[in-house]
Amino acid sequence: MPPLPRRGEVPLLDHMAADQHLQKRYYAVAAVLRYLLRCINPTTTWPTRLADLVATLPAAPGISIRHMGFPQGWTGLSLWRDV
């Protein structure tokens, strides 16, 4: 897995800079994809579809989206809001 940019290089990804758990999970990949899509296709509905999909994950004892690296309130971060 390529390293994430250092804090300040890509401000929209700064929320991941200090969290090693988050950097090694699916969320980091999704966040980088979201960042790239903001440049490549700013009108994509992928972020909304991802949030909808994550919201449908069934509840299971001892398992949460945090295990995939999603921080609490992730959809409210600047990265995930509309451009």
PDB file of N, CA and C in Angstrom:
ATOM      1  N   MET A   1       0.843  -1.172   0.000  1.00  0.00           N
ATOM      2  CA  MET A   1       0.000   0.000   0.000  1.00  0.00           C
ATOM      3  C   MET A   1       0.894   1.243   0.000  1.00  0.00           C
ATOM      4  N   PRO A   2       0.661   2.153  -0.921  1.00  0.00           N
ATOM      5  CA  PRO A   2       1.481   3.357  -0.932  1.00  0.00           C
ATOM      6  C   PRO A   2       1.213   4.217   0.300  1.00  0.00           C
ATOM      7  N   PRO A   3       2.211   4.944   0.747  1.00  0.00           N
ATOM      8  CA  PRO A   3       2.002   5.792   1.925  1.00  0.00           C
ATOM      9  C   PRO A   3       1.066   6.948   1.604  1.00  0.00           C
ATOM     10  N   LEU A   4       0.341   7.381   2.611  1.00  0.00           N
ATOM     11  CA  LEU A   4      -0.520   8.545   2.453  1.00  0.00           C
ATOM     12  C   LEU A   4       0.338   9.797   2.468  1.00  0.00           C
ATOM     13  N   PRO A   5      -0.170  10.871   1.892  1.00  0.00           N
ATOM     14  CA  PRO A   5       0.601  12.124   1.921  1.00  0.00           C
ATOM     15  C   PRO A   5       0.797  12.611   3.355  1.00  0.00           C
ATOM     16  N   ARG A   6       1.871  13.335   3.571  1.00  0.00           N
ATOM     17  CA  ARG A   6       2.129  13.910   4.897  1.00  0.00           C
ATOM     18  C   ARG A   6       1.109  14.998   5.193  1.00  0.00           C
ATOM     19  N   ARG A   7       0.914  15.246   6.474  1.00  0.00           N
ATOM     20  CA  ARG A   7      -0.024  16.284   6.906  1.00  0.00           C
ATOM     21  C   ARG A   7       0.309  17.592   6.199  1.00  0.00           C
ATOM     22  N   GLY A   8      -0.706  18.213   5.636  1.00  0.00           N
ATOM     23  CA  GLY A   8      -0.543  19.484   4.948  1.00  0.00           C
ATOM     24  C   GLY A   8      -0.375  19.370   3.444  1.00  0.00           C
ATOM     25  N   GLU A   9       0.063  18.223   2.942  1.00  0.00           N
ATOM     26  CA  GLU A   9       0.244  18.065   1.492  1.00  0.00           C
ATOM     27  C   GLU A   9      -1.103  17.984   0.770  1.00  0.00           C
ATOM     28  N   VAL A  10      -2.038  17.267   1.363  1.00  0.00           N
ATOM     29  CA  VAL A  10      -3.391  17.137   0.822  1.00  0.00           C
ATOM     30  C   VAL A  10      -4.338  17.353   2.000  1.00  0.00           C
ATOM     31  N   PRO A  11      -4.725  18.591   2.249  1.00  0.00           N
ATOM     32  CA  PRO A  11      -5.519  18.893   3.445  1.00  0.00           C
ATOM     33  C   PRO A  11      -6.777  18.042   3.619  1.00  0.00           C
ATOM     34  N   LEU A  12      -7.416  17.638   2.540  1.00  0.00           N
ATOM     35  CA  LEU A  12      -8.630  16.823   2.662  1.00  0.00           C
ATOM     36  C   LEU A  12      -8.346  15.432   3.232  1.00  0.00           C
ATOM     37  N   LEU A  13      -7.094  15.007   3.211  1.00  0.00           N
ATOM     38  CA  LEU A  13      -6.726  13.703   3.760  1.00  0.00           C
ATOM     39  C   LEU A  13      -6.012  13.821   5.109  1.00  0.00           C
ATOM     40  N   ASP A  14      -5.869  15.029   5.623  1.00  0.00           N
ATOM     41  CA  ASP A  14      -5.155  15.243   6.883  1.00  0.00           C
ATOM     42  C   ASP A  14      -5.782  14.499   8.060  1.00  0.00           C
ATOM     43  N   HIS A  15      -7.084  14.245   8.019  1.00  0.00           N
ATOM     44  CA  HIS A  15      -7.730  13.560   9.144  1.00  0.00           C
ATOM     45  C   HIS A  15      -7.205  12.135   9.335  1.00  0.00           C
ATOM     46  N   MET A  16      -6.478  11.611   8.378  1.00  0.00           N
ATOM     47  CA  MET A  16      -5.928  10.261   8.493  1.00  0.00           C
ATOM     48  C   MET A  16      -4.465  10.248   8.909  1.00  0.00           C
ATOM     49  N   ALA A  17      -3.829  11.401   8.962  1.00  0.00           N
ATOM     50  CA  ALA A  17      -2.377  11.481   9.147  1.00  0.00           C
ATOM     51  C   ALA A  17      -1.870  10.809  10.417  1.00  0.00           C
ATOM     52  N   ALA A  18      -2.569  10.939  11.508  1.00  0.00           N
ATOM     53  CA  ALA A  18      -2.053  10.434  12.779  1.00  0.00           C
ATOM     54  C   ALA A  18      -2.685   9.113  13.217  1.00  0.00           C
ATOM     55  N   ASP A  19      -3.569   8.552  12.419  1.00  0.00           N
ATOM     56  CA  ASP A  19      -4.298   7.349  12.835  1.00  0.00           C
ATOM     57  C   ASP A  19      -3.811   6.131  12.057  1.00  0.00           C
ATOM     58  N   GLN A  20      -2.901   5.390  12.632  1.00  0.00           N
ATOM     59  CA  GLN A  20      -2.332   4.209  11.975  1.00  0.00           C
ATOM     60  C   GLN A  20      -3.401   3.153  11.685  1.00  0.00           C
ATOM     61  N   HIS A  21      -4.353   2.977  12.600  1.00  0.00           N
ATOM     62  CA  HIS A  21      -5.435   1.998  12.398  1.00  0.00           C
ATOM     63  C   HIS A  21      -6.206   2.340  11.131  1.00  0.00           C
ATOM     64  N   LEU A  22      -6.582   3.589  11.017  1.00  0.00           N
ATOM     65  CA  LEU A  22      -7.375   4.062   9.892  1.00  0.00           C
ATOM     66  C   LEU A  22      -6.603   3.916   8.587  1.00  0.00           C
ATOM     67  N   GLN A  23      -5.313   4.175   8.611  1.00  0.00           N
ATOM     68  CA  GLN A  23      -4.487   4.140   7.395  1.00  0.00           C
ATOM     69  C   GLN A  23      -4.365   2.746   6.800  1.00  0.00           C
ATOM     70  N   LYS A  24      -4.578   1.718   7.588  1.00  0.00           N
ATOM     71  CA  LYS A  24      -4.385   0.346   7.115  1.00  0.00           C
ATOM     72  C   LYS A  24      -5.704  -0.368   6.842  1.00  0.00           C
ATOM     73  N   ARG A  25      -6.769   0.370   6.758  1.00  0.00           N
ATOM     74  CA  ARG A  25      -8.088  -0.220   6.563  1.00  0.00           C
ATOM     75  C   ARG A  25      -8.698   0.252   5.250  1.00  0.00           C
ATOM     76  N   TYR A  26      -9.842  -0.335   4.950  1.00  0.00           N
ATOM     77  CA  TYR A  26     -10.547  -0.001   3.716  1.00  0.00           C
ATOM     78  C   TYR A  26     -10.838   1.494   3.612  1.00  0.00           C
ATOM     79  N   TYR A  27     -11.149   2.132   4.724  1.00  0.00           N
ATOM     80  CA  TYR A  27     -11.493   3.551   4.680  1.00  0.00           C
ATOM     81  C   TYR A  27     -10.409   4.381   3.992  1.00  0.00           C
ATOM     82  N   ALA A  28      -9.163   4.088   4.241  1.00  0.00           N
ATOM     83  CA  ALA A  28      -8.073   4.866   3.628  1.00  0.00           C
ATOM     84  C   ALA A  28      -8.128   4.766   2.112  1.00  0.00           C
ATOM     85  N   VAL A  29      -8.395   3.585   1.609  1.00  0.00           N
ATOM     86  CA  VAL A  29      -8.513   3.397   0.159  1.00  0.00           C
ATOM     87  C   VAL A  29      -9.703   4.194  -0.362  1.00  0.00           C
ATOM     88  N   ALA A  30     -10.847   4.092   0.327  1.00  0.00           N
ATOM     89  CA  ALA A  30     -12.045   4.817  -0.089  1.00  0.00           C
ATOM     90  C   ALA A  30     -11.807   6.326  -0.061  1.00  0.00           C
ATOM     91  N   ALA A  31     -11.101   6.811   0.950  1.00  0.00           N
ATOM     92  CA  ALA A  31     -10.836   8.247   1.069  1.00  0.00           C
ATOM     93  C   ALA A  31      -9.948   8.742  -0.076  1.00  0.00           C
ATOM     94  N   VAL A  32      -8.940   7.985  -0.428  1.00  0.00           N
ATOM     95  CA  VAL A  32      -8.066   8.374  -1.545  1.00  0.00           C
ATOM     96  C   VAL A  32      -8.859   8.340  -2.854  1.00  0.00           C
ATOM     97  N   LEU A  33      -9.692   7.312  -3.029  1.00  0.00           N
ATOM     98  CA  LEU A  33     -10.538   7.264  -4.225  1.00  0.00           C
ATOM     99  C   LEU A  33     -11.456   8.479  -4.295  1.00  0.00           C
ATOM    100  N   ARG A  34     -12.042   8.840  -3.155  1.00  0.00           N
ATOM    101  CA  ARG A  34     -12.914  10.015  -3.121  1.00  0.00           C
ATOM    102  C   ARG A  34     -12.141  11.272  -3.504  1.00  0.00           C
ATOM    103  N   TYR A  35     -10.947  11.410  -2.977  1.00  0.00           N
ATOM    104  CA  TYR A  35     -10.133  12.577  -3.308  1.00  0.00           C
ATOM    105  C   TYR A  35      -9.863  12.636  -4.813  1.00  0.00           C
ATOM    106  N   LEU A  36      -9.492  11.512  -5.399  1.00  0.00           N
ATOM    107  CA  LEU A  36      -9.210  11.476  -6.834  1.00  0.00           C
ATOM    108  C   LEU A  36     -10.469  11.761  -7.650  1.00  0.00           C
ATOM    109  N   LEU A  37     -11.596  11.222  -7.210  1.00  0.00           N
ATOM    110  CA  LEU A  37     -12.844  11.448  -7.941  1.00  0.00           C
ATOM    111  C   LEU A  37     -13.291  12.903  -7.896  1.00  0.00           C
ATOM    112  N   ARG A  38     -12.942  13.605  -6.836  1.00  0.00           N
ATOM    113  CA  ARG A  38     -13.274  15.040  -6.779  1.00  0.00           C
ATOM    114  C   ARG A  38     -12.627  15.780  -7.943  1.00  0.00           C
ATOM    115  N   CYS A  39     -11.442  15.319  -8.363  1.00  0.00           N
ATOM    116  CA  CYS A  39     -10.730  15.949  -9.481  1.00  0.00           C
ATOM    117  C   CYS A  39     -11.182  15.387 -10.831  1.00  0.00           C
ATOM    118  N   ILE A  40     -11.334  14.090 -10.907  1.00  0.00           N
ATOM    119  CA  ILE A  40     -11.621  13.417 -12.174  1.00  0.00           C
ATOM    120  C   ILE A  40     -13.082  13.580 -12.589  1.00  0.00           C
ATOM    121  N   ASN A  41     -13.991  13.387 -11.622  1.00  0.00           N
ATOM    122  CA  ASN A  41     -15.422  13.417 -11.932  1.00  0.00           C
ATOM    123  C   ASN A  41     -16.167  14.017 -10.749  1.00  0.00           C
ATOM    124  N   PRO A  42     -16.162  15.326 -10.614  1.00  0.00           N
ATOM    125  CA  PRO A  42     -16.758  15.967  -9.439  1.00  0.00           C
ATOM    126  C   PRO A  42     -18.260  15.733  -9.280  1.00  0.00           C
ATOM    127  N   THR A  43     -18.942  15.305 -10.319  1.00  0.00           N
ATOM    128  CA  THR A  43     -20.383  15.094 -10.215  1.00  0.00           C
ATOM    129  C   THR A  43     -20.758  13.639  -9.939  1.00  0.00           C
ATOM    130  N   THR A  44     -19.784  12.798  -9.684  1.00  0.00           N
ATOM    131  CA  THR A  44     -20.074  11.393  -9.428  1.00  0.00           C
ATOM    132  C   THR A  44     -20.967  11.235  -8.194  1.00  0.00           C
ATOM    133  N   THR A  45     -21.778  10.201  -8.211  1.00  0.00           N
ATOM    134  CA  THR A  45     -22.632   9.889  -7.061  1.00  0.00           C
ATOM    135  C   THR A  45     -21.997   8.799  -6.195  1.00  0.00           C
ATOM    136  N   TRP A  46     -20.785   8.412  -6.503  1.00  0.00           N
ATOM    137  CA  TRP A  46     -20.135   7.328  -5.764  1.00  0.00           C
ATOM    138  C   TRP A  46     -20.073   7.577  -4.251  1.00  0.00           C
ATOM    139  N   PRO A  47     -19.724   8.771  -3.781  1.00  0.00           N
ATOM    140  CA  PRO A  47     -19.674   8.963  -2.327  1.00  0.00           C
ATOM    141  C   PRO A  47     -21.021   8.737  -1.647  1.00  0.00           C
ATOM    142  N   THR A  48     -22.084   9.172  -2.276  1.00  0.00           N
ATOM    143  CA  THR A  48     -23.420   8.954  -1.713  1.00  0.00           C
ATOM    144  C   THR A  48     -23.774   7.484  -1.730  1.00  0.00           C
ATOM    145  N   ARG A  49     -23.460   6.821  -2.819  1.00  0.00           N
ATOM    146  CA  ARG A  49     -23.757   5.387  -2.911  1.00  0.00           C
ATOM    147  C   ARG A  49     -22.940   4.598  -1.890  1.00  0.00           C
ATOM    148  N   LEU A  50     -21.688   4.998  -1.669  1.00  0.00           N
ATOM    149  CA  LEU A  50     -20.872   4.326  -0.658  1.00  0.00           C
ATOM    150  C   LEU A  50     -21.479   4.521   0.730  1.00  0.00           C
ATOM    151  N   ALA A  51     -21.859   5.764   1.061  1.00  0.00           N
ATOM    152  CA  ALA A  51     -22.462   6.040   2.370  1.00  0.00           C
ATOM    153  C   ALA A  51     -23.753   5.241   2.548  1.00  0.00           C
ATOM    154  N   ASP A  52     -24.560   5.158   1.499  1.00  0.00           N
ATOM    155  CA  ASP A  52     -25.799   4.378   1.564  1.00  0.00           C
ATOM    156  C   ASP A  52     -25.494   2.897   1.790  1.00  0.00           C
ATOM    157  N   LEU A  53     -24.497   2.386   1.108  1.00  0.00           N
ATOM    158  CA  LEU A  53     -24.117   0.983   1.265  1.00  0.00           C
ATOM    159  C   LEU A  53     -23.611   0.708   2.672  1.00  0.00           C
ATOM    160  N   VAL A  54     -22.742   1.559   3.171  1.00  0.00           N
ATOM    161  CA  VAL A  54     -22.203   1.379   4.525  1.00  0.00           C
ATOM    162  C   VAL A  54     -23.332   1.422   5.555  1.00  0.00           C
ATOM    163  N   ALA A  55     -24.321   2.277   5.324  1.00  0.00           N
ATOM    164  CA  ALA A  55     -25.453   2.385   6.249  1.00  0.00           C
ATOM    165  C   ALA A  55     -26.309   1.124   6.279  1.00  0.00           C
ATOM    166  N   THR A  56     -26.233   0.305   5.241  1.00  0.00           N
ATOM    167  CA  THR A  56     -27.041  -0.914   5.195  1.00  0.00           C
ATOM    168  C   THR A  56     -26.340  -2.126   5.803  1.00  0.00           C
ATOM    169  N   LEU A  57     -25.097  -1.962   6.200  1.00  0.00           N
ATOM    170  CA  LEU A  57     -24.388  -3.106   6.783  1.00  0.00           C
ATOM    171  C   LEU A  57     -25.119  -3.557   8.041  1.00  0.00           C
ATOM    172  N   PRO A  58     -25.391  -4.844   8.156  1.00  0.00           N
ATOM    173  CA  PRO A  58     -26.142  -5.323   9.315  1.00  0.00           C
ATOM    174  C   PRO A  58     -25.333  -5.214  10.610  1.00  0.00           C
ATOM    175  N   ALA A  59     -26.045  -5.000  11.676  1.00  0.00           N
ATOM    176  CA  ALA A  59     -25.391  -4.954  12.993  1.00  0.00           C
ATOM    177  C   ALA A  59     -24.983  -6.370  13.390  1.00  0.00           C
ATOM    178  N   ALA A  60     -23.804  -6.480  13.930  1.00  0.00           N
ATOM    179  CA  ALA A  60     -23.307  -7.773  14.404  1.00  0.00           C
ATOM    180  C   ALA A  60     -22.526  -7.522  15.688  1.00  0.00           C
ATOM    181  N   PRO A  61     -22.657  -8.407  16.661  1.00  0.00           N
ATOM    182  CA  PRO A  61     -21.931  -8.209  17.919  1.00  0.00           C
ATOM    183  C   PRO A  61     -20.420  -8.098  17.699  1.00  0.00           C
ATOM    184  N   GLY A  62     -19.837  -7.032  18.227  1.00  0.00           N
ATOM    185  CA  GLY A  62     -18.383  -6.864  18.162  1.00  0.00           C
ATOM    186  C   GLY A  62     -17.849  -6.417  16.820  1.00  0.00           C
ATOM    187  N   ILE A  63     -18.727  -6.097  15.883  1.00  0.00           N
ATOM    188  CA  ILE A  63     -18.275  -5.670  14.557  1.00  0.00           C
ATOM    189  C   ILE A  63     -18.946  -4.344  14.229  1.00  0.00           C
ATOM    190  N   SER A  64     -18.155  -3.399  13.742  1.00  0.00           N
ATOM    191  CA  SER A  64     -18.704  -2.114  13.337  1.00  0.00           C
ATOM    192  C   SER A  64     -17.911  -1.594  12.146  1.00  0.00           C
ATOM    193  N   ILE A  65     -18.389  -0.493  11.572  1.00  0.00           N
ATOM    194  CA  ILE A  65     -17.645   0.070  10.451  1.00  0.00           C
ATOM    195  C   ILE A  65     -16.299   0.609  10.909  1.00  0.00           C
ATOM    196  N   ARG A  66     -16.141   0.820  12.206  1.00  0.00           N
ATOM    197  CA  ARG A  66     -14.832   1.251  12.743  1.00  0.00           C
ATOM    198  C   ARG A  66     -13.772   0.194  12.448  1.00  0.00           C
ATOM    199  N   HIS A  67     -14.159  -1.068  12.390  1.00  0.00           N
ATOM    200  CA  HIS A  67     -13.203  -2.127  12.058  1.00  0.00           C
ATOM    201  C   HIS A  67     -12.680  -1.994  10.629  1.00  0.00           C
ATOM    202  N   MET A  68     -13.443  -1.317   9.775  1.00  0.00           N
ATOM    203  CA  MET A  68     -12.994  -1.054   8.409  1.00  0.00           C
ATOM    204  C   MET A  68     -12.269   0.284   8.330  1.00  0.00           C
ATOM    205  N   GLY A  69     -12.116   0.955   9.468  1.00  0.00           N
ATOM    206  CA  GLY A  69     -11.371   2.201   9.526  1.00  0.00           C
ATOM    207  C   GLY A  69     -12.211   3.453   9.410  1.00  0.00           C
ATOM    208  N   PHE A  70     -13.513   3.320   9.219  1.00  0.00           N
ATOM    209  CA  PHE A  70     -14.363   4.501   9.082  1.00  0.00           C
ATOM    210  C   PHE A  70     -14.426   5.238  10.414  1.00  0.00           C
ATOM    211  N   PRO A  71     -13.982   6.510  10.442  1.00  0.00           N
ATOM    212  CA  PRO A  71     -14.066   7.274  11.689  1.00  0.00           C
ATOM    213  C   PRO A  71     -15.507   7.705  11.952  1.00  0.00           C
ATOM    214  N   GLN A  72     -15.811   7.918  13.204  1.00  0.00           N
ATOM    215  CA  GLN A  72     -17.148   8.378  13.556  1.00  0.00           C
ATOM    216  C   GLN A  72     -17.413   9.711  12.858  1.00  0.00           C
ATOM    217  N   GLY A  73     -18.573   9.844  12.254  1.00  0.00           N
ATOM    218  CA  GLY A  73     -18.936  11.075  11.565  1.00  0.00           C
ATOM    219  C   GLY A  73     -18.233  11.289  10.237  1.00  0.00           C
ATOM    220  N   TRP A  74     -17.754  10.229   9.624  1.00  0.00           N
ATOM    221  CA  TRP A  74     -16.956  10.346   8.406  1.00  0.00           C
ATOM    222  C   TRP A  74     -17.688  11.064   7.281  1.00  0.00           C
ATOM    223  N   THR A  75     -18.984  10.902   7.148  1.00  0.00           N
ATOM    224  CA  THR A  75     -19.699  11.546   6.045  1.00  0.00           C
ATOM    225  C   THR A  75     -19.775  13.064   6.210  1.00  0.00           C
ATOM    226  N   GLY A  76     -19.505  13.573   7.406  1.00  0.00           N
ATOM    227  CA  GLY A  76     -19.510  15.007   7.642  1.00  0.00           C
ATOM    228  C   GLY A  76     -18.172  15.677   7.373  1.00  0.00           C
ATOM    229  N   LEU A  77     -17.138  14.892   7.135  1.00  0.00           N
ATOM    230  CA  LEU A  77     -15.822  15.458   6.834  1.00  0.00           C
ATOM    231  C   LEU A  77     -15.843  16.174   5.483  1.00  0.00           C
ATOM    232  N   SER A  78     -15.042  17.209   5.345  1.00  0.00           N
ATOM    233  CA  SER A  78     -14.984  17.993   4.103  1.00  0.00           C
ATOM    234  C   SER A  78     -14.768  17.114   2.875  1.00  0.00           C
ATOM    235  N   LEU A  79     -13.967  16.096   3.011  1.00  0.00           N
ATOM    236  CA  LEU A  79     -13.666  15.196   1.905  1.00  0.00           C
ATOM    237  C   LEU A  79     -14.931  14.597   1.307  1.00  0.00           C
ATOM    238  N   TRP A  80     -15.891  14.262   2.138  1.00  0.00           N
ATOM    239  CA  TRP A  80     -17.074  13.531   1.697  1.00  0.00           C
ATOM    240  C   TRP A  80     -18.250  14.433   1.350  1.00  0.00           C
ATOM    241  N   ARG A  81     -18.168  15.696   1.656  1.00  0.00           N
ATOM    242  CA  ARG A  81     -19.258  16.606   1.287  1.00  0.00           C
ATOM    243  C   ARG A  81     -19.138  16.963  -0.180  1.00  0.00           C
ATOM    244  N   ASP A  82     -20.234  17.397  -0.755  1.00  0.00           N
ATOM    245  CA  ASP A  82     -20.233  17.775  -2.173  1.00  0.00           C
ATOM    246  C   ASP A  82     -19.229  18.876  -2.446  1.00  0.00           C
ATOM    247  N   VAL A  83     -18.691  18.851  -3.630  1.00  0.00           N
ATOM    248  CA  VAL A  83     -17.681  19.835  -4.042  1.00  0.00           C
ATOM    249  C   VAL A  83     -18.323  21.199  -4.197  1.00  0.00           C
TER     250      VAL A  83
END
